[in-house]
Amino acid sequence: DMTATRSYNSRFTQGEVLPNYAYPYVKANGQLVRDEDNPSTKYVIAASAIEGDGSIVSTPYDLLKWDKGLREHRFVSAATLKEAYTPVTFQDGSRGEYGFGICIGEKKVWHWGGWPGVQTSFTRYLDENTVAVYLKNVESHNWKWVKQFEKITSK
């Protein structure tokens, strides 16, 4: 039922325009410009055809549906989810803070992402029925906002 989530890239869609699509913006010569109009992010053109890395678009509402589906084990079993949320163990016996595609904390799991012109954060609080979603379509190299956002959203 995630009807607003899909793989999409305005460079490769042959004129297709998604309703309410928030184009990514980057800073160039002191101004904000669409990432695809900025010569210094041309490298993204080739890389942005990678499905899943930089080309998945969604909405906060659809990401709440994703969270609900995970909590209800609608498409991933409880056992698989537990395994995904288990930190990796290295050969020396030490443990990392990363599971299967997600960072792992004591009472939360999260994934942050970025691409020229976008930053995202998806945090699930495991002991609560709470998820924090943040989607940003303006370039920033400052990730302090994620911790500030999480202070507001966590109990």
Protein backbone atom coordinates (compact mmCIF):
# COMPACT_ATOMS: atom_id res chain seq x y z
CA ASP A 1 0.00 0.00 0.00
CA MET A 2 3.00 2.34 -0.31
CA THR A 3 1.62 4.07 -3.37
CA ALA A 4 3.98 7.08 -3.25
CA THR A 5 7.18 5.02 -3.00
CA ARG A 6 9.15 3.92 -6.02
CA SER A 7 12.39 4.16 -7.90
CA TYR A 8 12.46 7.51 -9.68
CA ASN A 9 15.08 9.77 -11.13
CA SER A 10 14.10 12.87 -13.09
CA ARG A 11 17.15 12.47 -15.37
CA PHE A 12 16.06 9.09 -16.70
CA THR A 13 12.28 9.25 -16.78
CA GLN A 14 11.85 10.58 -20.31
CA GLY A 15 9.75 13.56 -19.25
CA GLU A 16 7.69 11.83 -16.58
CA VAL A 17 6.97 14.15 -13.67
CA LEU A 18 5.84 12.85 -10.29
CA PRO A 19 3.16 14.91 -8.58
CA ASN A 20 4.53 16.76 -5.54
CA TYR A 21 8.10 15.56 -6.20
CA ALA A 22 10.59 17.60 -4.16
CA TYR A 23 13.57 18.12 -6.45
CA PRO A 24 16.99 17.99 -4.77
CA TYR A 25 18.78 21.34 -4.44
CA VAL A 26 22.50 21.98 -3.99
CA LYS A 27 24.49 25.15 -3.39
CA ALA A 28 26.33 26.55 -6.40
CA ASN A 29 27.93 30.00 -6.48
CA GLY A 30 26.05 30.98 -3.33
CA GLN A 31 22.63 29.99 -4.70
CA LEU A 32 20.44 26.93 -4.50
CA VAL A 33 20.03 25.14 -7.82
CA ARG A 34 18.54 21.78 -8.77
CA ASP A 35 21.21 19.10 -8.50
CA GLU A 36 20.80 18.11 -12.15
CA ASP A 37 21.50 21.71 -13.23
CA ASN A 38 24.77 21.96 -11.30
CA PRO A 39 27.95 21.09 -13.26
CA SER A 40 29.79 20.03 -10.10
CA THR A 41 27.31 17.20 -9.42
CA LYS A 42 27.38 15.75 -12.95
CA TYR A 43 29.03 12.62 -11.55
CA VAL A 44 25.69 11.86 -9.93
CA ILE A 45 24.11 11.39 -13.35
CA ALA A 46 25.86 8.07 -13.91
CA ALA A 47 25.65 6.93 -10.30
CA SER A 48 22.01 7.88 -9.84
CA ALA A 49 20.85 5.11 -12.16
CA ILE A 50 21.70 2.66 -9.38
CA GLU A 51 18.40 1.26 -8.18
CA GLY A 52 17.97 1.64 -4.45
CA ASP A 53 20.97 3.87 -3.83
CA GLY A 54 19.81 7.41 -4.40
CA SER A 55 16.81 6.70 -6.58
CA ILE A 56 14.12 5.57 -4.17
CA VAL A 57 11.57 8.30 -3.46
CA SER A 58 8.93 8.19 -0.79
CA THR A 59 6.85 10.27 1.58
CA PRO A 60 6.70 10.37 5.38
CA TYR A 61 3.23 8.81 5.20
CA ASP A 62 4.48 5.85 3.15
CA LEU A 63 7.45 5.41 5.48
CA LEU A 64 5.02 5.19 8.39
CA LYS A 65 3.31 2.38 6.46
CA TRP A 66 6.73 0.72 6.09
CA ASP A 67 7.29 0.96 9.84
CA LYS A 68 3.84 -0.48 10.56
CA GLY A 69 4.49 -3.36 8.17
CA LEU A 70 7.78 -4.13 9.94
CA ARG A 71 6.16 -4.01 13.39
CA GLU A 72 3.34 -6.31 12.23
CA HIS A 73 5.76 -8.68 10.40
CA ARG A 74 3.72 -8.32 7.23
CA PHE A 75 6.65 -8.81 4.86
CA VAL A 76 9.57 -9.72 7.11
CA SER A 77 9.25 -12.41 9.76
CA ALA A 78 10.04 -11.68 13.40
CA ALA A 79 13.05 -14.01 13.17
CA THR A 80 14.42 -12.23 10.09
CA LEU A 81 13.88 -8.84 11.68
CA LYS A 82 15.66 -9.98 14.86
CA GLU A 83 18.59 -11.16 12.74
CA ALA A 84 18.67 -7.85 10.84
CA TYR A 85 18.76 -5.99 14.17
CA THR A 86 21.65 -8.09 15.53
CA PRO A 87 24.98 -6.25 15.46
CA VAL A 88 27.70 -7.80 13.36
CA THR A 89 30.36 -9.78 15.22
CA PHE A 90 33.88 -9.40 13.84
CA GLN A 91 36.52 -12.13 13.67
CA ASP A 92 38.19 -10.79 16.82
CA GLY A 93 34.91 -11.17 18.74
CA SER A 94 34.14 -7.46 18.96
CA ARG A 95 30.74 -6.22 17.89
CA GLY A 96 29.85 -3.44 15.51
CA GLU A 97 26.87 -1.12 15.53
CA TYR A 98 25.54 -2.24 12.17
CA GLY A 99 23.15 -5.04 11.36
CA PHE A 100 21.69 -5.96 8.01
CA GLY A 101 21.24 -2.59 6.35
CA ILE A 102 20.57 -0.69 9.55
CA CYS A 103 22.47 0.92 12.43
CA ILE A 104 21.71 -0.52 15.84
CA GLY A 105 21.49 1.28 19.17
CA GLU A 106 20.35 0.12 22.59
CA LYS A 107 16.65 0.91 22.06
CA LYS A 108 16.51 2.08 18.46
CA VAL A 109 17.54 1.21 14.93
CA TRP A 110 18.09 3.78 12.22
CA HIS A 111 19.32 4.49 8.75
CA TRP A 112 20.56 7.84 7.51
CA GLY A 113 21.21 8.61 3.90
CA GLY A 114 22.41 11.36 1.67
CA TRP A 115 22.89 12.21 -1.96
CA PRO A 116 23.62 15.57 -3.56
CA GLY A 117 20.63 17.69 -2.59
CA VAL A 118 19.00 15.30 -0.12
CA GLN A 119 19.39 14.02 3.43
CA THR A 120 17.14 11.48 5.12
CA SER A 121 16.74 9.82 8.48
CA PHE A 122 14.50 6.92 9.51
CA THR A 123 14.63 5.92 13.20
CA ARG A 124 12.55 3.18 14.81
CA TYR A 125 12.27 3.15 18.61
CA LEU A 126 12.01 -0.52 19.47
CA ASP A 127 10.32 -0.30 22.90
CA GLU A 128 7.79 2.26 21.75
CA ASN A 129 5.35 2.49 18.90
CA THR A 130 7.35 5.41 17.56
CA VAL A 131 9.20 6.16 14.36
CA ALA A 132 10.93 9.39 13.39
CA VAL A 133 11.15 10.22 9.68
CA TYR A 134 13.00 13.23 8.30
CA LEU A 135 13.27 13.98 4.59
CA LYS A 136 15.21 17.01 3.36
CA ASN A 137 15.68 18.16 -0.24
CA VAL A 138 18.38 20.81 0.31
CA GLU A 139 22.06 19.92 0.43
CA SER A 140 23.82 20.16 3.75
CA HIS A 141 26.99 18.58 5.06
CA ASN A 142 25.79 19.08 8.61
CA TRP A 143 24.30 15.98 10.22
CA LYS A 144 23.82 17.56 13.67
CA TRP A 145 20.16 18.06 12.77
CA VAL A 146 19.55 14.30 13.07
CA LYS A 147 20.52 14.23 16.74
CA GLN A 148 18.50 17.39 17.39
CA PHE A 149 15.51 15.89 15.59
CA GLU A 150 15.79 12.68 17.59
CA LYS A 151 15.82 14.62 20.89
CA ILE A 152 12.49 16.10 19.90
CA THR A 153 10.93 12.81 18.79
CA SER A 154 12.18 10.38 21.45
CA LYS A 155 10.57 10.09 24.86
